[in-house]
Amino acid sequence: MEFASSDFSAPASNRYAYRLVGVSTDWVEVDADHRHAGFGNLWPGKYELEVRTTNRVGEVSAEPARLEIHVAPKYWQRPWFVIGLFALAF
């Protein structure tokens, strides 16, 4: 995910922080050159990405921007596949 601030007066001075609720409670802080977040190996379920910004004068956004993320299970994570494996094993 890549994100940006709505303060374009000095974009290099903007700072960002993000976290993936459901995975981490800690905020990851990045500068304007690294304003992206990537997550791998997420287990199926619902997650919420929160991003907050700090503008050139140090004002932090009042509320973080939120994006709901749904990770669908792979075929091998579905109940019918697990049941089929057990049936095949017996």
PDB file of N, CA and C in Angstrom:
ATOM      1  N   MET A   1       0.850  -1.163   0.000  1.00  0.00           N
ATOM      2  CA  MET A   1       0.000   0.000   0.000  1.00  0.00           C
ATOM      3  C   MET A   1       0.903   1.236   0.000  1.00  0.00           C
ATOM      4  N   GLU A   2       0.525   2.185  -0.797  1.00  0.00           N
ATOM      5  CA  GLU A   2       1.252   3.449  -0.823  1.00  0.00           C
ATOM      6  C   GLU A   2       0.293   4.554  -0.404  1.00  0.00           C
ATOM      7  N   PHE A   3       0.795   5.540   0.304  1.00  0.00           N
ATOM      8  CA  PHE A   3      -0.058   6.603   0.817  1.00  0.00           C
ATOM      9  C   PHE A   3       0.603   7.955   0.635  1.00  0.00           C
ATOM     10  N   ALA A   4      -0.212   9.010   0.726  1.00  0.00           N
ATOM     11  CA  ALA A   4       0.265  10.376   0.562  1.00  0.00           C
ATOM     12  C   ALA A   4      -0.531  11.296   1.478  1.00  0.00           C
ATOM     13  N   SER A   5       0.016  12.469   1.703  1.00  0.00           N
ATOM     14  CA  SER A   5      -0.645  13.480   2.525  1.00  0.00           C
ATOM     15  C   SER A   5      -1.308  14.507   1.619  1.00  0.00           C
ATOM     16  N   SER A   6      -2.272  15.224   2.166  1.00  0.00           N
ATOM     17  CA  SER A   6      -2.920  16.281   1.385  1.00  0.00           C
ATOM     18  C   SER A   6      -2.208  17.625   1.537  1.00  0.00           C
ATOM     19  N   ASP A   7      -1.103  17.666   2.283  1.00  0.00           N
ATOM     20  CA  ASP A   7      -0.314  18.892   2.423  1.00  0.00           C
ATOM     21  C   ASP A   7       0.806  18.848   1.386  1.00  0.00           C
ATOM     22  N   PHE A   8       0.633  19.593   0.287  1.00  0.00           N
ATOM     23  CA  PHE A   8       1.604  19.580  -0.800  1.00  0.00           C
ATOM     24  C   PHE A   8       2.531  20.793  -0.779  1.00  0.00           C
ATOM     25  N   SER A   9       2.504  21.602   0.283  1.00  0.00           N
ATOM     26  CA  SER A   9       3.341  22.799   0.328  1.00  0.00           C
ATOM     27  C   SER A   9       4.822  22.459   0.514  1.00  0.00           C
ATOM     28  N   ALA A  10       5.110  21.376   1.216  1.00  0.00           N
ATOM     29  CA  ALA A  10       6.491  20.914   1.393  1.00  0.00           C
ATOM     30  C   ALA A  10       6.448  19.392   1.569  1.00  0.00           C
ATOM     31  N   PRO A  11       6.193  18.667   0.483  1.00  0.00           N
ATOM     32  CA  PRO A  11       5.978  17.223   0.605  1.00  0.00           C
ATOM     33  C   PRO A  11       7.149  16.455   1.195  1.00  0.00           C
ATOM     34  N   ALA A  12       8.364  16.925   1.029  1.00  0.00           N
ATOM     35  CA  ALA A  12       9.523  16.217   1.590  1.00  0.00           C
ATOM     36  C   ALA A  12       9.562  16.305   3.111  1.00  0.00           C
ATOM     37  N   SER A  13       8.837  17.241   3.693  1.00  0.00           N
ATOM     38  CA  SER A  13       8.820  17.416   5.150  1.00  0.00           C
ATOM     39  C   SER A  13       7.748  16.583   5.843  1.00  0.00           C
ATOM     40  N   ASN A  14       6.839  16.020   5.075  1.00  0.00           N
ATOM     41  CA  ASN A  14       5.775  15.209   5.677  1.00  0.00           C
ATOM     42  C   ASN A  14       6.341  13.911   6.234  1.00  0.00           C
ATOM     43  N   ARG A  15       5.755  13.469   7.341  1.00  0.00           N
ATOM     44  CA  ARG A  15       6.114  12.196   7.966  1.00  0.00           C
ATOM     45  C   ARG A  15       4.851  11.355   8.054  1.00  0.00           C
ATOM     46  N   TYR A  16       5.025  10.052   8.076  1.00  0.00           N
ATOM     47  CA  TYR A  16       3.896   9.129   8.101  1.00  0.00           C
ATOM     48  C   TYR A  16       4.128   8.059   9.146  1.00  0.00           C
ATOM     49  N   ALA A  17       3.042   7.512   9.650  1.00  0.00           N
ATOM     50  CA  ALA A  17       3.108   6.369  10.564  1.00  0.00           C
ATOM     51  C   ALA A  17       1.936   5.456  10.210  1.00  0.00           C
ATOM     52  N   TYR A  18       2.194   4.167  10.233  1.00  0.00           N
ATOM     53  CA  TYR A  18       1.130   3.214   9.903  1.00  0.00           C
ATOM     54  C   TYR A  18       1.213   2.000  10.820  1.00  0.00           C
ATOM     55  N   ARG A  19       0.099   1.296  10.905  1.00  0.00           N
ATOM     56  CA  ARG A  19       0.056   0.025  11.623  1.00  0.00           C
ATOM     57  C   ARG A  19      -1.083  -0.812  11.055  1.00  0.00           C
ATOM     58  N   LEU A  20      -0.932  -2.105  11.165  1.00  0.00           N
ATOM     59  CA  LEU A  20      -1.962  -3.028  10.710  1.00  0.00           C
ATOM     60  C   LEU A  20      -2.610  -3.614  11.951  1.00  0.00           C
ATOM     61  N   VAL A  21      -3.814  -3.127  12.251  1.00  0.00           N
ATOM     62  CA  VAL A  21      -4.546  -3.577  13.432  1.00  0.00           C
ATOM     63  C   VAL A  21      -4.887  -5.057  13.235  1.00  0.00           C
ATOM     64  N   GLY A  22      -4.607  -5.846  14.238  1.00  0.00           N
ATOM     65  CA  GLY A  22      -4.787  -7.286  14.135  1.00  0.00           C
ATOM     66  C   GLY A  22      -3.460  -7.992  13.993  1.00  0.00           C
ATOM     67  N   VAL A  23      -2.415  -7.233  13.644  1.00  0.00           N
ATOM     68  CA  VAL A  23      -1.076  -7.793  13.519  1.00  0.00           C
ATOM     69  C   VAL A  23      -0.124  -7.116  14.503  1.00  0.00           C
ATOM     70  N   SER A  24      -0.200  -5.789  14.581  1.00  0.00           N
ATOM     71  CA  SER A  24       0.721  -5.039  15.423  1.00  0.00           C
ATOM     72  C   SER A  24      -0.004  -3.881  16.101  1.00  0.00           C
ATOM     73  N   THR A  25       0.428  -3.563  17.307  1.00  0.00           N
ATOM     74  CA  THR A  25      -0.110  -2.395  18.001  1.00  0.00           C
ATOM     75  C   THR A  25       0.850  -1.210  17.894  1.00  0.00           C
ATOM     76  N   ASP A  26       2.060  -1.465  17.424  1.00  0.00           N
ATOM     77  CA  ASP A  26       3.069  -0.419  17.303  1.00  0.00           C
ATOM     78  C   ASP A  26       2.956   0.302  15.968  1.00  0.00           C
ATOM     79  N   TRP A  27       3.183   1.605  15.997  1.00  0.00           N
ATOM     80  CA  TRP A  27       3.192   2.410  14.778  1.00  0.00           C
ATOM     81  C   TRP A  27       4.574   2.323  14.146  1.00  0.00           C
ATOM     82  N   VAL A  28       4.616   2.197  12.826  1.00  0.00           N
ATOM     83  CA  VAL A  28       5.869   2.218  12.067  1.00  0.00           C
ATOM     84  C   VAL A  28       5.971   3.595  11.437  1.00  0.00           C
ATOM     85  N   GLU A  29       7.031   4.332  11.765  1.00  0.00           N
ATOM     86  CA  GLU A  29       7.180   5.691  11.254  1.00  0.00           C
ATOM     87  C   GLU A  29       8.100   5.685  10.042  1.00  0.00           C
ATOM     88  N   VAL A  30       7.678   6.425   9.004  1.00  0.00           N
ATOM     89  CA  VAL A  30       8.452   6.525   7.763  1.00  0.00           C
ATOM     90  C   VAL A  30       8.465   7.971   7.286  1.00  0.00           C
ATOM     91  N   ASP A  31       9.437   8.278   6.430  1.00  0.00           N
ATOM     92  CA  ASP A  31       9.509   9.634   5.886  1.00  0.00           C
ATOM     93  C   ASP A  31       8.845   9.685   4.515  1.00  0.00           C
ATOM     94  N   ALA A  32       8.928  10.832   3.871  1.00  0.00           N
ATOM     95  CA  ALA A  32       8.243  11.036   2.594  1.00  0.00           C
ATOM     96  C   ALA A  32       8.809  10.166   1.477  1.00  0.00           C
ATOM     97  N   ASP A  33      10.040   9.726   1.594  1.00  0.00           N
ATOM     98  CA  ASP A  33      10.647   8.877   0.564  1.00  0.00           C
ATOM     99  C   ASP A  33      10.255   7.410   0.697  1.00  0.00           C
ATOM    100  N   HIS A  34       9.694   7.033   1.822  1.00  0.00           N
ATOM    101  CA  HIS A  34       9.348   5.622   2.078  1.00  0.00           C
ATOM    102  C   HIS A  34       7.898   5.488   2.539  1.00  0.00           C
ATOM    103  N   ARG A  35       6.997   6.120   1.844  1.00  0.00           N
ATOM    104  CA  ARG A  35       5.597   6.171   2.257  1.00  0.00           C
ATOM    105  C   ARG A  35       4.784   5.017   1.677  1.00  0.00           C
ATOM    106  N   HIS A  36       5.212   3.821   2.020  1.00  0.00           N
ATOM    107  CA  HIS A  36       4.494   2.626   1.603  1.00  0.00           C
ATOM    108  C   HIS A  36       4.610   1.564   2.695  1.00  0.00           C
ATOM    109  N   ALA A  37       3.645   0.660   2.690  1.00  0.00           N
ATOM    110  CA  ALA A  37       3.623  -0.428   3.665  1.00  0.00           C
ATOM    111  C   ALA A  37       3.347  -1.726   2.921  1.00  0.00           C
ATOM    112  N   GLY A  38       4.046  -2.756   3.294  1.00  0.00           N
ATOM    113  CA  GLY A  38       3.834  -4.069   2.690  1.00  0.00           C
ATOM    114  C   GLY A  38       3.756  -5.128   3.781  1.00  0.00           C
ATOM    115  N   PHE A  39       2.872  -6.058   3.591  1.00  0.00           N
ATOM    116  CA  PHE A  39       2.677  -7.116   4.578  1.00  0.00           C
ATOM    117  C   PHE A  39       2.612  -8.445   3.838  1.00  0.00           C
ATOM    118  N   GLY A  40       3.350  -9.409   4.297  1.00  0.00           N
ATOM    119  CA  GLY A  40       3.335 -10.728   3.677  1.00  0.00           C
ATOM    120  C   GLY A  40       2.915 -11.783   4.672  1.00  0.00           C
ATOM    121  N   ASN A  41       2.481 -12.900   4.151  1.00  0.00           N
ATOM    122  CA  ASN A  41       2.106 -14.055   4.972  1.00  0.00           C
ATOM    123  C   ASN A  41       1.008 -13.744   5.979  1.00  0.00           C
ATOM    124  N   LEU A  42       0.028 -12.973   5.563  1.00  0.00           N
ATOM    125  CA  LEU A  42      -1.096 -12.697   6.458  1.00  0.00           C
ATOM    126  C   LEU A  42      -2.050 -13.879   6.447  1.00  0.00           C
ATOM    127  N   TRP A  43      -2.485 -14.287   7.605  1.00  0.00           N
ATOM    128  CA  TRP A  43      -3.457 -15.365   7.719  1.00  0.00           C
ATOM    129  C   TRP A  43      -4.823 -14.833   7.278  1.00  0.00           C
ATOM    130  N   PRO A  44      -5.682 -15.665   6.739  1.00  0.00           N
ATOM    131  CA  PRO A  44      -6.996 -15.190   6.304  1.00  0.00           C
ATOM    132  C   PRO A  44      -7.755 -14.496   7.435  1.00  0.00           C
ATOM    133  N   GLY A  45      -8.445 -13.436   7.084  1.00  0.00           N
ATOM    134  CA  GLY A  45      -9.230 -12.702   8.070  1.00  0.00           C
ATOM    135  C   GLY A  45      -9.375 -11.248   7.699  1.00  0.00           C
ATOM    136  N   LYS A  46      -9.890 -10.472   8.643  1.00  0.00           N
ATOM    137  CA  LYS A  46     -10.089  -9.039   8.453  1.00  0.00           C
ATOM    138  C   LYS A  46      -9.000  -8.276   9.194  1.00  0.00           C
ATOM    139  N   TYR A  47      -8.463  -7.275   8.535  1.00  0.00           N
ATOM    140  CA  TYR A  47      -7.449  -6.410   9.118  1.00  0.00           C
ATOM    141  C   TYR A  47      -7.837  -4.968   8.822  1.00  0.00           C
ATOM    142  N   GLU A  48      -7.215  -4.042   9.543  1.00  0.00           N
ATOM    143  CA  GLU A  48      -7.460  -2.634   9.299  1.00  0.00           C
ATOM    144  C   GLU A  48      -6.122  -1.912   9.275  1.00  0.00           C
ATOM    145  N   LEU A  49      -5.820  -1.280   8.141  1.00  0.00           N
ATOM    146  CA  LEU A  49      -4.608  -0.484   8.009  1.00  0.00           C
ATOM    147  C   LEU A  49      -4.931   0.934   8.444  1.00  0.00           C
ATOM    148  N   GLU A  50      -4.150   1.457   9.374  1.00  0.00           N
ATOM    149  CA  GLU A  50      -4.307   2.839   9.837  1.00  0.00           C
ATOM    150  C   GLU A  50      -3.057   3.621   9.457  1.00  0.00           C
ATOM    151  N   VAL A  51      -3.266   4.814   8.905  1.00  0.00           N
ATOM    152  CA  VAL A  51      -2.158   5.686   8.509  1.00  0.00           C
ATOM    153  C   VAL A  51      -2.430   7.072   9.071  1.00  0.00           C
ATOM    154  N   ARG A  52      -1.414   7.636   9.708  1.00  0.00           N
ATOM    155  CA  ARG A  52      -1.526   9.023  10.179  1.00  0.00           C
ATOM    156  C   ARG A  52      -0.352   9.813   9.608  1.00  0.00           C
ATOM    157  N   THR A  53      -0.551  11.110   9.461  1.00  0.00           N
ATOM    158  CA  THR A  53       0.476  11.953   8.867  1.00  0.00           C
ATOM    159  C   THR A  53       0.851  13.092   9.808  1.00  0.00           C
ATOM    160  N   THR A  54       2.059  13.573   9.617  1.00  0.00           N
ATOM    161  CA  THR A  54       2.539  14.767  10.308  1.00  0.00           C
ATOM    162  C   THR A  54       3.013  15.719   9.220  1.00  0.00           C
ATOM    163  N   ASN A  55       2.480  16.933   9.199  1.00  0.00           N
ATOM    164  CA  ASN A  55       2.837  17.865   8.125  1.00  0.00           C
ATOM    165  C   ASN A  55       4.145  18.587   8.428  1.00  0.00           C
ATOM    166  N   ARG A  56       4.495  19.546   7.578  1.00  0.00           N
ATOM    167  CA  ARG A  56       5.786  20.246   7.664  1.00  0.00           C
ATOM    168  C   ARG A  56       5.986  21.023   8.953  1.00  0.00           C
ATOM    169  N   VAL A  57       4.887  21.422   9.634  1.00  0.00           N
ATOM    170  CA  VAL A  57       5.022  22.179  10.884  1.00  0.00           C
ATOM    171  C   VAL A  57       4.825  21.296  12.111  1.00  0.00           C
ATOM    172  N   GLY A  58       4.697  20.004  11.913  1.00  0.00           N
ATOM    173  CA  GLY A  58       4.602  19.079  13.041  1.00  0.00           C
ATOM    174  C   GLY A  58       3.206  18.752  13.518  1.00  0.00           C
ATOM    175  N   GLU A  59       2.185  19.206  12.795  1.00  0.00           N
ATOM    176  CA  GLU A  59       0.806  18.896  13.187  1.00  0.00           C
ATOM    177  C   GLU A  59       0.454  17.475  12.755  1.00  0.00           C
ATOM    178  N   VAL A  60      -0.018  16.683  13.708  1.00  0.00           N
ATOM    179  CA  VAL A  60      -0.403  15.301  13.434  1.00  0.00           C
ATOM    180  C   VAL A  60      -1.872  15.266  13.048  1.00  0.00           C
ATOM    181  N   SER A  61      -2.218  14.409  12.092  1.00  0.00           N
ATOM    182  CA  SER A  61      -3.614  14.296  11.668  1.00  0.00           C
ATOM    183  C   SER A  61      -4.491  13.928  12.862  1.00  0.00           C
ATOM    184  N   ALA A  62      -5.676  14.511  12.914  1.00  0.00           N
ATOM    185  CA  ALA A  62      -6.586  14.303  14.046  1.00  0.00           C
ATOM    186  C   ALA A  62      -7.017  12.845  14.150  1.00  0.00           C
ATOM    187  N   GLU A  63      -7.353  12.254  13.052  1.00  0.00           N
ATOM    188  CA  GLU A  63      -7.779  10.853  12.996  1.00  0.00           C
ATOM    189  C   GLU A  63      -6.962  10.144  11.926  1.00  0.00           C
ATOM    190  N   PRO A  64      -6.513   8.933  12.187  1.00  0.00           N
ATOM    191  CA  PRO A  64      -5.807   8.214  11.124  1.00  0.00           C
ATOM    192  C   PRO A  64      -6.772   7.785  10.019  1.00  0.00           C
ATOM    193  N   ALA A  65      -6.251   7.719   8.809  1.00  0.00           N
ATOM    194  CA  ALA A  65      -7.035   7.167   7.699  1.00  0.00           C
ATOM    195  C   ALA A  65      -7.082   5.654   7.905  1.00  0.00           C
ATOM    196  N   ARG A  66      -8.228   5.058   7.623  1.00  0.00           N
ATOM    197  CA  ARG A  66      -8.402   3.624   7.857  1.00  0.00           C
ATOM    198  C   ARG A  66      -8.833   2.932   6.570  1.00  0.00           C
ATOM    199  N   LEU A  67      -8.271   1.759   6.345  1.00  0.00           N
ATOM    200  CA  LEU A  67      -8.625   0.944   5.195  1.00  0.00           C
ATOM    201  C   LEU A  67      -8.828  -0.483   5.674  1.00  0.00           C
ATOM    202  N   GLU A  68     -10.014  -1.016   5.429  1.00  0.00           N
ATOM    203  CA  GLU A  68     -10.314  -2.394   5.823  1.00  0.00           C
ATOM    204  C   GLU A  68      -9.769  -3.337   4.759  1.00  0.00           C
ATOM    205  N   ILE A  69      -9.064  -4.372   5.206  1.00  0.00           N
ATOM    206  CA  ILE A  69      -8.457  -5.345   4.301  1.00  0.00           C
ATOM    207  C   ILE A  69      -9.000  -6.723   4.633  1.00  0.00           C
ATOM    208  N   HIS A  70      -9.459  -7.437   3.618  1.00  0.00           N
ATOM    209  CA  HIS A  70      -9.956  -8.802   3.793  1.00  0.00           C
ATOM    210  C   HIS A  70      -9.017  -9.744   3.048  1.00  0.00           C
ATOM    211  N   VAL A  71      -8.447 -10.692   3.769  1.00  0.00           N
ATOM    212  CA  VAL A  71      -7.577 -11.694   3.157  1.00  0.00           C
ATOM    213  C   VAL A  71      -8.370 -12.985   3.052  1.00  0.00           C
ATOM    214  N   ALA A  72      -8.587 -13.426   1.831  1.00  0.00           N
ATOM    215  CA  ALA A  72      -9.338 -14.665   1.592  1.00  0.00           C
ATOM    216  C   ALA A  72      -8.421 -15.872   1.813  1.00  0.00           C
ATOM    217  N   PRO A  73      -8.975 -16.971   2.305  1.00  0.00           N
ATOM    218  CA  PRO A  73      -8.143 -18.164   2.516  1.00  0.00           C
ATOM    219  C   PRO A  73      -7.742 -18.813   1.194  1.00  0.00           C
ATOM    220  N   LYS A  74      -6.561 -19.398   1.171  1.00  0.00           N
ATOM    221  CA  LYS A  74      -6.128 -20.203   0.032  1.00  0.00           C
ATOM    222  C   LYS A  74      -6.914 -21.500   0.053  1.00  0.00           C
ATOM    223  N   TYR A  75      -6.861 -22.252  -1.026  1.00  0.00           N
ATOM    224  CA  TYR A  75      -7.645 -23.491  -1.084  1.00  0.00           C
ATOM    225  C   TYR A  75      -7.255 -24.459   0.027  1.00  0.00           C
ATOM    226  N   TRP A  76      -5.967 -24.509   0.378  1.00  0.00           N
ATOM    227  CA  TRP A  76      -5.508 -25.445   1.409  1.00  0.00           C
ATOM    228  C   TRP A  76      -5.840 -24.975   2.826  1.00  0.00           C
ATOM    229  N   GLN A  77      -6.378 -23.767   2.974  1.00  0.00           N
ATOM    230  CA  GLN A  77      -6.787 -23.256   4.283  1.00  0.00           C
ATOM    231  C   GLN A  77      -8.292 -23.373   4.493  1.00  0.00           C
ATOM    232  N   ARG A  78      -8.985 -23.909   3.533  1.00  0.00           N
ATOM    233  CA  ARG A  78     -10.444 -24.041   3.620  1.00  0.00           C
ATOM    234  C   ARG A  78     -10.820 -25.352   4.312  1.00  0.00           C
ATOM    235  N   PRO A  79     -11.932 -25.346   5.071  1.00  0.00           N
ATOM    236  CA  PRO A  79     -12.340 -26.546   5.821  1.00  0.00           C
ATOM    237  C   PRO A  79     -12.547 -27.773   4.946  1.00  0.00           C
ATOM    238  N   TRP A  80     -13.138 -27.626   3.758  1.00  0.00           N
ATOM    239  CA  TRP A  80     -13.392 -28.782   2.905  1.00  0.00           C
ATOM    240  C   TRP A  80     -12.100 -29.460   2.475  1.00  0.00           C
ATOM    241  N   PHE A  81     -11.020 -28.705   2.308  1.00  0.00           N
ATOM    242  CA  PHE A  81      -9.738 -29.288   1.917  1.00  0.00           C
ATOM    243  C   PHE A  81      -9.133 -30.087   3.067  1.00  0.00           C
ATOM    244  N   VAL A  82      -9.194 -29.538   4.270  1.00  0.00           N
ATOM    245  CA  VAL A  82      -8.655 -30.239   5.447  1.00  0.00           C
ATOM    246  C   VAL A  82      -9.439 -31.527   5.696  1.00  0.00           C
ATOM    247  N   ILE A  83     -10.754 -31.460   5.587  1.00  0.00           N
ATOM    248  CA  ILE A  83     -11.588 -32.659   5.769  1.00  0.00           C
ATOM    249  C   ILE A  83     -11.249 -33.693   4.690  1.00  0.00           C
ATOM    250  N   GLY A  84     -11.056 -33.237   3.469  1.00  0.00           N
ATOM    251  CA  GLY A  84     -10.678 -34.141   2.387  1.00  0.00           C
ATOM    252  C   GLY A  84      -9.327 -34.813   2.638  1.00  0.00           C
ATOM    253  N   LEU A  85      -8.378 -34.083   3.192  1.00  0.00           N
ATOM    254  CA  LEU A  85      -7.080 -34.684   3.522  1.00  0.00           C
ATOM    255  C   LEU A  85      -7.222 -35.757   4.585  1.00  0.00           C
ATOM    256  N   PHE A  86      -8.010 -35.483   5.617  1.00  0.00           N
ATOM    257  CA  PHE A  86      -8.228 -36.489   6.659  1.00  0.00           C
ATOM    258  C   PHE A  86      -8.937 -37.709   6.093  1.00  0.00           C
ATOM    259  N   ALA A  87      -9.908 -37.487   5.229  1.00  0.00           N
ATOM    260  CA  ALA A  87     -10.629 -38.611   4.625  1.00  0.00           C
ATOM    261  C   ALA A  87      -9.694 -39.431   3.743  1.00  0.00           C
ATOM    262  N   LEU A  88      -8.838 -38.779   3.030  1.00  0.00           N
ATOM    263  CA  LEU A  88      -7.872 -39.463   2.176  1.00  0.00           C
ATOM    264  C   LEU A  88      -6.847 -40.234   3.002  1.00  0.00           C
ATOM    265  N   ALA A  89      -6.464 -39.682   4.129  1.00  0.00           N
ATOM    266  CA  ALA A  89      -5.480 -40.351   5.008  1.00  0.00           C
ATOM    267  C   ALA A  89      -6.038 -41.614   5.621  1.00  0.00           C
ATOM    268  N   PHE A  90      -7.343 -41.639   5.913  1.00  0.00           N
ATOM    269  CA  PHE A  90      -7.968 -42.825   6.499  1.00  0.00           C
ATOM    270  C   PHE A  90      -8.314 -43.810   5.415  1.00  0.00           C
TER     271      PHE A  90
END
